[in-house]
Amino acid sequence: MFQILLIMLLLLIIMLFLFSLKIYFMLDGFSRKLMEIDARLLKIEKEYFELKAKVDHMDTSFKTTMQKLNSLFRSDR
């Protein structure tokens, strides 16, 4: 009877160890996926700010061009 309990306890310890290993590798894979997603988001954020800077520059040059055109039309009158 005592030997059966010892074997059951040993099996329980082994199962808990394997379960904890499974959880560890699951969390490790999850953290790797999060790091990949974070890298993608950083890349997207960088592209967004580059495009925003270009659009802001184009907007500024458009406004200055429109001001020059307006001043030319006003000076013609």
PDB file of N, CA and C in Angstrom:
ATOM      1  N   MET A   1       0.825  -1.189   0.000  1.00  0.00           N
ATOM      2  CA  MET A   1       0.000   0.000   0.000  1.00  0.00           C
ATOM      3  C   MET A   1       0.874   1.259   0.000  1.00  0.00           C
ATOM      4  N   PHE A   2       1.901   1.236   0.841  1.00  0.00           N
ATOM      5  CA  PHE A   2       2.792   2.394   0.927  1.00  0.00           C
ATOM      6  C   PHE A   2       3.542   2.602  -0.386  1.00  0.00           C
ATOM      7  N   GLN A   3       3.909   1.496  -1.048  1.00  0.00           N
ATOM      8  CA  GLN A   3       4.633   1.599  -2.325  1.00  0.00           C
ATOM      9  C   GLN A   3       3.746   2.203  -3.411  1.00  0.00           C
ATOM     10  N   ILE A   4       2.487   1.864  -3.397  1.00  0.00           N
ATOM     11  CA  ILE A   4       1.558   2.407  -4.392  1.00  0.00           C
ATOM     12  C   ILE A   4       1.401   3.917  -4.191  1.00  0.00           C
ATOM     13  N   LEU A   5       1.288   4.331  -2.938  1.00  0.00           N
ATOM     14  CA  LEU A   5       1.183   5.764  -2.658  1.00  0.00           C
ATOM     15  C   LEU A   5       2.445   6.508  -3.077  1.00  0.00           C
ATOM     16  N   LEU A   6       3.595   5.895  -2.858  1.00  0.00           N
ATOM     17  CA  LEU A   6       4.862   6.507  -3.254  1.00  0.00           C
ATOM     18  C   LEU A   6       4.947   6.651  -4.770  1.00  0.00           C
ATOM     19  N   ILE A   7       4.537   5.612  -5.470  1.00  0.00           N
ATOM     20  CA  ILE A   7       4.554   5.647  -6.944  1.00  0.00           C
ATOM     21  C   ILE A   7       3.573   6.710  -7.451  1.00  0.00           C
ATOM     22  N   MET A   8       2.395   6.781  -6.838  1.00  0.00           N
ATOM     23  CA  MET A   8       1.409   7.787  -7.232  1.00  0.00           C
ATOM     24  C   MET A   8       1.949   9.197  -6.990  1.00  0.00           C
ATOM     25  N   LEU A   9       2.604   9.390  -5.864  1.00  0.00           N
ATOM     26  CA  LEU A   9       3.189  10.688  -5.553  1.00  0.00           C
ATOM     27  C   LEU A   9       4.285  11.046  -6.546  1.00  0.00           C
ATOM     28  N   LEU A  10       5.113  10.084  -6.889  1.00  0.00           N
ATOM     29  CA  LEU A  10       6.172  10.301  -7.875  1.00  0.00           C
ATOM     30  C   LEU A  10       5.576  10.660  -9.237  1.00  0.00           C
ATOM     31  N   LEU A  11       4.536   9.940  -9.645  1.00  0.00           N
ATOM     32  CA  LEU A  11       3.867  10.246 -10.916  1.00  0.00           C
ATOM     33  C   LEU A  11       3.247  11.649 -10.889  1.00  0.00           C
ATOM     34  N   LEU A  12       2.662  12.008  -9.761  1.00  0.00           N
ATOM     35  CA  LEU A  12       2.080  13.337  -9.634  1.00  0.00           C
ATOM     36  C   LEU A  12       3.146  14.420  -9.749  1.00  0.00           C
ATOM     37  N   ILE A  13       4.276  14.219  -9.121  1.00  0.00           N
ATOM     38  CA  ILE A  13       5.378  15.183  -9.204  1.00  0.00           C
ATOM     39  C   ILE A  13       5.877  15.303 -10.637  1.00  0.00           C
ATOM     40  N   ILE A  14       6.032  14.175 -11.321  1.00  0.00           N
ATOM     41  CA  ILE A  14       6.484  14.190 -12.721  1.00  0.00           C
ATOM     42  C   ILE A  14       5.466  14.916 -13.599  1.00  0.00           C
ATOM     43  N   MET A  15       4.177  14.637 -13.389  1.00  0.00           N
ATOM     44  CA  MET A  15       3.142  15.291 -14.194  1.00  0.00           C
ATOM     45  C   MET A  15       3.129  16.800 -13.949  1.00  0.00           C
ATOM     46  N   LEU A  16       3.282  17.208 -12.702  1.00  0.00           N
ATOM     47  CA  LEU A  16       3.332  18.639 -12.400  1.00  0.00           C
ATOM     48  C   LEU A  16       4.553  19.300 -13.032  1.00  0.00           C
ATOM     49  N   PHE A  17       5.680  18.614 -13.021  1.00  0.00           N
ATOM     50  CA  PHE A  17       6.887  19.142 -13.648  1.00  0.00           C
ATOM     51  C   PHE A  17       6.688  19.310 -15.151  1.00  0.00           C
ATOM     52  N   LEU A  18       6.123  18.293 -15.792  1.00  0.00           N
ATOM     53  CA  LEU A  18       5.879  18.378 -17.237  1.00  0.00           C
ATOM     54  C   LEU A  18       4.867  19.480 -17.561  1.00  0.00           C
ATOM     55  N   PHE A  19       3.855  19.607 -16.716  1.00  0.00           N
ATOM     56  CA  PHE A  19       2.864  20.659 -16.921  1.00  0.00           C
ATOM     57  C   PHE A  19       3.497  22.042 -16.787  1.00  0.00           C
ATOM     58  N   SER A  20       4.377  22.205 -15.805  1.00  0.00           N
ATOM     59  CA  SER A  20       5.040  23.503 -15.643  1.00  0.00           C
ATOM     60  C   SER A  20       5.968  23.795 -16.825  1.00  0.00           C
ATOM     61  N   LEU A  21       6.624  22.758 -17.363  1.00  0.00           N
ATOM     62  CA  LEU A  21       7.444  22.952 -18.566  1.00  0.00           C
ATOM     63  C   LEU A  21       6.586  23.389 -19.747  1.00  0.00           C
ATOM     64  N   LYS A  22       5.422  22.751 -19.881  1.00  0.00           N
ATOM     65  CA  LYS A  22       4.517  23.105 -20.972  1.00  0.00           C
ATOM     66  C   LYS A  22       4.086  24.566 -20.846  1.00  0.00           C
ATOM     67  N   ILE A  23       3.733  24.989 -19.648  1.00  0.00           N
ATOM     68  CA  ILE A  23       3.331  26.383 -19.430  1.00  0.00           C
ATOM     69  C   ILE A  23       4.491  27.326 -19.724  1.00  0.00           C
ATOM     70  N   TYR A  24       5.703  26.954 -19.306  1.00  0.00           N
ATOM     71  CA  TYR A  24       6.871  27.802 -19.556  1.00  0.00           C
ATOM     72  C   TYR A  24       7.080  28.010 -21.054  1.00  0.00           C
ATOM     73  N   PHE A  25       7.034  26.920 -21.827  1.00  0.00           N
ATOM     74  CA  PHE A  25       7.256  27.053 -23.267  1.00  0.00           C
ATOM     75  C   PHE A  25       6.101  27.780 -23.944  1.00  0.00           C
ATOM     76  N   MET A  26       4.883  27.618 -23.416  1.00  0.00           N
ATOM     77  CA  MET A  26       3.758  28.373 -23.956  1.00  0.00           C
ATOM     78  C   MET A  26       3.973  29.866 -23.747  1.00  0.00           C
ATOM     79  N   LEU A  27       4.370  30.237 -22.533  1.00  0.00           N
ATOM     80  CA  LEU A  27       4.607  31.651 -22.236  1.00  0.00           C
ATOM     81  C   LEU A  27       5.796  32.193 -23.015  1.00  0.00           C
ATOM     82  N   ASP A  28       6.817  31.370 -23.209  1.00  0.00           N
ATOM     83  CA  ASP A  28       7.982  31.797 -23.980  1.00  0.00           C
ATOM     84  C   ASP A  28       7.590  32.087 -25.427  1.00  0.00           C
ATOM     85  N   GLY A  29       6.800  31.198 -26.012  1.00  0.00           N
ATOM     86  CA  GLY A  29       6.316  31.425 -27.375  1.00  0.00           C
ATOM     87  C   GLY A  29       5.433  32.651 -27.458  1.00  0.00           C
ATOM     88  N   PHE A  30       4.610  32.852 -26.437  1.00  0.00           N
ATOM     89  CA  PHE A  30       3.733  34.020 -26.399  1.00  0.00           C
ATOM     90  C   PHE A  30       4.543  35.307 -26.322  1.00  0.00           C
ATOM     91  N   SER A  31       5.591  35.306 -25.495  1.00  0.00           N
ATOM     92  CA  SER A  31       6.404  36.523 -25.382  1.00  0.00           C
ATOM     93  C   SER A  31       7.167  36.793 -26.678  1.00  0.00           C
ATOM     94  N   ARG A  32       7.583  35.738 -27.370  1.00  0.00           N
ATOM     95  CA  ARG A  32       8.238  35.944 -28.676  1.00  0.00           C
ATOM     96  C   ARG A  32       7.276  36.564 -29.668  1.00  0.00           C
ATOM     97  N   LYS A  33       6.039  36.076 -29.676  1.00  0.00           N
ATOM     98  CA  LYS A  33       5.035  36.651 -30.580  1.00  0.00           C
ATOM     99  C   LYS A  33       4.786  38.120 -30.239  1.00  0.00           C
ATOM    100  N   LEU A  34       4.731  38.423 -28.943  1.00  0.00           N
ATOM    101  CA  LEU A  34       4.539  39.818 -28.545  1.00  0.00           C
ATOM    102  C   LEU A  34       5.705  40.688 -28.996  1.00  0.00           C
ATOM    103  N   MET A  35       6.914  40.160 -28.922  1.00  0.00           N
ATOM    104  CA  MET A  35       8.076  40.931 -29.378  1.00  0.00           C
ATOM    105  C   MET A  35       8.012  41.166 -30.881  1.00  0.00           C
ATOM    106  N   GLU A  36       7.565  40.154 -31.646  1.00  0.00           N
ATOM    107  CA  GLU A  36       7.423  40.327 -33.094  1.00  0.00           C
ATOM    108  C   GLU A  36       6.368  41.389 -33.410  1.00  0.00           C
ATOM    109  N   ILE A  37       5.250  41.331 -32.697  1.00  0.00           N
ATOM    110  CA  ILE A  37       4.186  42.310 -32.916  1.00  0.00           C
ATOM    111  C   ILE A  37       4.674  43.707 -32.555  1.00  0.00           C
ATOM    112  N   ASP A  38       5.423  43.817 -31.467  1.00  0.00           N
ATOM    113  CA  ASP A  38       5.963  45.112 -31.053  1.00  0.00           C
ATOM    114  C   ASP A  38       6.910  45.670 -32.114  1.00  0.00           C
ATOM    115  N   ALA A  39       7.743  44.804 -32.693  1.00  0.00           N
ATOM    116  CA  ALA A  39       8.664  45.256 -33.745  1.00  0.00           C
ATOM    117  C   ALA A  39       7.882  45.748 -34.964  1.00  0.00           C
ATOM    118  N   ARG A  40       6.825  45.023 -35.322  1.00  0.00           N
ATOM    119  CA  ARG A  40       5.998  45.458 -36.455  1.00  0.00           C
ATOM    120  C   ARG A  40       5.329  46.802 -36.165  1.00  0.00           C
ATOM    121  N   LEU A  41       4.823  46.951 -34.945  1.00  0.00           N
ATOM    122  CA  LEU A  41       4.175  48.215 -34.593  1.00  0.00           C
ATOM    123  C   LEU A  41       5.159  49.375 -34.612  1.00  0.00           C
ATOM    124  N   LEU A  42       6.384  49.140 -34.156  1.00  0.00           N
ATOM    125  CA  LEU A  42       7.395  50.195 -34.203  1.00  0.00           C
ATOM    126  C   LEU A  42       7.711  50.586 -35.641  1.00  0.00           C
ATOM    127  N   LYS A  43       7.768  49.591 -36.529  1.00  0.00           N
ATOM    128  CA  LYS A  43       8.028  49.873 -37.943  1.00  0.00           C
ATOM    129  C   LYS A  43       6.883  50.691 -38.546  1.00  0.00           C
ATOM    130  N   ILE A  44       5.657  50.308 -38.225  1.00  0.00           N
ATOM    131  CA  ILE A  44       4.491  51.036 -38.735  1.00  0.00           C
ATOM    132  C   ILE A  44       4.471  52.460 -38.191  1.00  0.00           C
ATOM    133  N   GLU A  45       4.806  52.600 -36.909  1.00  0.00           N
ATOM    134  CA  GLU A  45       4.835  53.935 -36.305  1.00  0.00           C
ATOM    135  C   GLU A  45       5.899  54.812 -36.963  1.00  0.00           C
ATOM    136  N   LYS A  46       7.054  54.236 -37.264  1.00  0.00           N
ATOM    137  CA  LYS A  46       8.122  54.988 -37.931  1.00  0.00           C
ATOM    138  C   LYS A  46       7.669  55.439 -39.312  1.00  0.00           C
ATOM    139  N   GLU A  47       7.049  54.530 -40.077  1.00  0.00           N
ATOM    140  CA  GLU A  47       6.554  54.883 -41.403  1.00  0.00           C
ATOM    141  C   GLU A  47       5.475  55.965 -41.316  1.00  0.00           C
ATOM    142  N   TYR A  48       4.627  55.861 -40.302  1.00  0.00           N
ATOM    143  CA  TYR A  48       3.571  56.868 -40.126  1.00  0.00           C
ATOM    144  C   TYR A  48       4.172  58.252 -39.921  1.00  0.00           C
ATOM    145  N   PHE A  49       5.169  58.349 -39.044  1.00  0.00           N
ATOM    146  CA  PHE A  49       5.749  59.663 -38.774  1.00  0.00           C
ATOM    147  C   PHE A  49       6.522  60.192 -39.977  1.00  0.00           C
ATOM    148  N   GLU A  50       7.152  59.301 -40.753  1.00  0.00           N
ATOM    149  CA  GLU A  50       7.825  59.750 -41.974  1.00  0.00           C
ATOM    150  C   GLU A  50       6.810  60.307 -42.966  1.00  0.00           C
ATOM    151  N   LEU A  51       5.704  59.577 -43.156  1.00  0.00           N
ATOM    152  CA  LEU A  51       4.674  60.050 -44.081  1.00  0.00           C
ATOM    153  C   LEU A  51       4.021  61.333 -43.577  1.00  0.00           C
ATOM    154  N   LYS A  52       3.813  61.430 -42.281  1.00  0.00           N
ATOM    155  CA  LYS A  52       3.221  62.643 -41.712  1.00  0.00           C
ATOM    156  C   LYS A  52       4.134  63.840 -41.947  1.00  0.00           C
ATOM    157  N   ALA A  53       5.441  63.645 -41.808  1.00  0.00           N
ATOM    158  CA  ALA A  53       6.383  64.746 -42.058  1.00  0.00           C
ATOM    159  C   ALA A  53       6.331  65.168 -43.523  1.00  0.00           C
ATOM    160  N   LYS A  54       6.255  64.190 -44.441  1.00  0.00           N
ATOM    161  CA  LYS A  54       6.165  64.519 -45.867  1.00  0.00           C
ATOM    162  C   LYS A  54       4.880  65.282 -46.174  1.00  0.00           C
ATOM    163  N   VAL A  55       3.775  64.812 -45.613  1.00  0.00           N
ATOM    164  CA  VAL A  55       2.489  65.475 -45.862  1.00  0.00           C
ATOM    165  C   VAL A  55       2.493  66.882 -45.280  1.00  0.00           C
ATOM    166  N   ASP A  56       3.052  67.046 -44.096  1.00  0.00           N
ATOM    167  CA  ASP A  56       3.143  68.389 -43.501  1.00  0.00           C
ATOM    168  C   ASP A  56       3.988  69.317 -44.370  1.00  0.00           C
ATOM    169  N   HIS A  57       5.086  68.795 -44.904  1.00  0.00           N
ATOM    170  CA  HIS A  57       5.938  69.606 -45.786  1.00  0.00           C
ATOM    171  C   HIS A  57       5.184  69.984 -47.062  1.00  0.00           C
ATOM    172  N   MET A  58       4.475  69.002 -47.644  1.00  0.00           N
ATOM    173  CA  MET A  58       3.702  69.288 -48.854  1.00  0.00           C
ATOM    174  C   MET A  58       2.599  70.302 -48.562  1.00  0.00           C
ATOM    175  N   ASP A  59       1.971  70.181 -47.408  1.00  0.00           N
ATOM    176  CA  ASP A  59       0.915  71.125 -47.033  1.00  0.00           C
ATOM    177  C   ASP A  59       1.468  72.536 -46.878  1.00  0.00           C
ATOM    178  N   THR A  60       2.612  72.647 -46.254  1.00  0.00           N
ATOM    179  CA  THR A  60       3.242  73.957 -46.070  1.00  0.00           C
ATOM    180  C   THR A  60       3.624  74.567 -47.412  1.00  0.00           C
ATOM    181  N   SER A  61       4.227  73.759 -48.287  1.00  0.00           N
ATOM    182  CA  SER A  61       4.617  74.303 -49.596  1.00  0.00           C
ATOM    183  C   SER A  61       3.389  74.646 -50.433  1.00  0.00           C
ATOM    184  N   PHE A  62       2.309  73.881 -50.298  1.00  0.00           N
ATOM    185  CA  PHE A  62       1.072  74.215 -51.012  1.00  0.00           C
ATOM    186  C   PHE A  62       0.511  75.544 -50.516  1.00  0.00           C
ATOM    187  N   LYS A  63       0.514  75.731 -49.212  1.00  0.00           N
ATOM    188  CA  LYS A  63      -0.009  76.985 -48.658  1.00  0.00           C
ATOM    189  C   LYS A  63       0.829  78.181 -49.102  1.00  0.00           C
ATOM    190  N   THR A  64       2.158  78.029 -49.112  1.00  0.00           N
ATOM    191  CA  THR A  64       3.004  79.148 -49.557  1.00  0.00           C
ATOM    192  C   THR A  64       2.796  79.420 -51.042  1.00  0.00           C
ATOM    193  N   THR A  65       2.621  78.367 -51.834  1.00  0.00           N
ATOM    194  CA  THR A  65       2.356  78.550 -53.265  1.00  0.00           C
ATOM    195  C   THR A  65       1.032  79.278 -53.468  1.00  0.00           C
ATOM    196  N   MET A  66       0.015  78.892 -52.710  1.00  0.00           N
ATOM    197  CA  MET A  66      -1.284  79.561 -52.830  1.00  0.00           C
ATOM    198  C   MET A  66      -1.186  81.024 -52.398  1.00  0.00           C
ATOM    199  N   GLN A  67      -0.410  81.304 -51.372  1.00  0.00           N
ATOM    200  CA  GLN A  67      -0.233  82.697 -50.948  1.00  0.00           C
ATOM    201  C   GLN A  67       0.476  83.505 -52.029  1.00  0.00           C
ATOM    202  N   LYS A  68       1.483  82.917 -52.667  1.00  0.00           N
ATOM    203  CA  LYS A  68       2.187  83.610 -53.753  1.00  0.00           C
ATOM    204  C   LYS A  68       1.254  83.867 -54.926  1.00  0.00           C
ATOM    205  N   LEU A  69       0.448  82.843 -55.269  1.00  0.00           N
ATOM    206  CA  LEU A  69      -0.506  83.025 -56.368  1.00  0.00           C
ATOM    207  C   LEU A  69      -1.526  84.107 -56.035  1.00  0.00           C
ATOM    208  N   ASN A  70      -2.025  84.106 -54.820  1.00  0.00           N
ATOM    209  CA  ASN A  70      -2.986  85.143 -54.411  1.00  0.00           C
ATOM    210  C   ASN A  70      -2.356  86.525 -54.471  1.00  0.00           C
ATOM    211  N   SER A  71      -1.124  86.641 -54.043  1.00  0.00           N
ATOM    212  CA  SER A  71      -0.463  87.955 -54.093  1.00  0.00           C
ATOM    213  C   SER A  71      -0.214  88.377 -55.538  1.00  0.00           C
ATOM    214  N   LEU A  72       0.080  87.430 -56.435  1.00  0.00           N
ATOM    215  CA  LEU A  72       0.253  87.771 -57.852  1.00  0.00           C
ATOM    216  C   LEU A  72      -1.057  88.252 -58.462  1.00  0.00           C
ATOM    217  N   PHE A  73      -2.155  87.554 -58.149  1.00  0.00           N
ATOM    218  CA  PHE A  73      -3.446  87.967 -58.694  1.00  0.00           C
ATOM    219  C   PHE A  73      -3.871  89.317 -58.136  1.00  0.00           C
ATOM    220  N   ARG A  74      -3.563  89.591 -56.903  1.00  0.00           N
ATOM    221  CA  ARG A  74      -3.924  90.882 -56.307  1.00  0.00           C
ATOM    222  C   ARG A  74      -3.078  92.007 -56.909  1.00  0.00           C
ATOM    223  N   SER A  75      -1.826  91.719 -57.208  1.00  0.00           N
ATOM    224  CA  SER A  75      -0.961  92.763 -57.769  1.00  0.00           C
ATOM    225  C   SER A  75      -1.315  93.050 -59.227  1.00  0.00           C
ATOM    226  N   ASP A  76      -1.930  92.081 -59.912  1.00  0.00           N
ATOM    227  CA  ASP A  76      -2.341  92.304 -61.301  1.00  0.00           C
ATOM    228  C   ASP A  76      -3.517  93.261 -61.388  1.00  0.00           C
ATOM    229  N   ARG A  77      -4.327  93.335 -60.401  1.00  0.00           N
ATOM    230  CA  ARG A  77      -5.532  94.178 -60.441  1.00  0.00           C
ATOM    231  C   ARG A  77      -5.189  95.573 -60.253  1.00  0.00           C
TER     232      ARG A  77
END
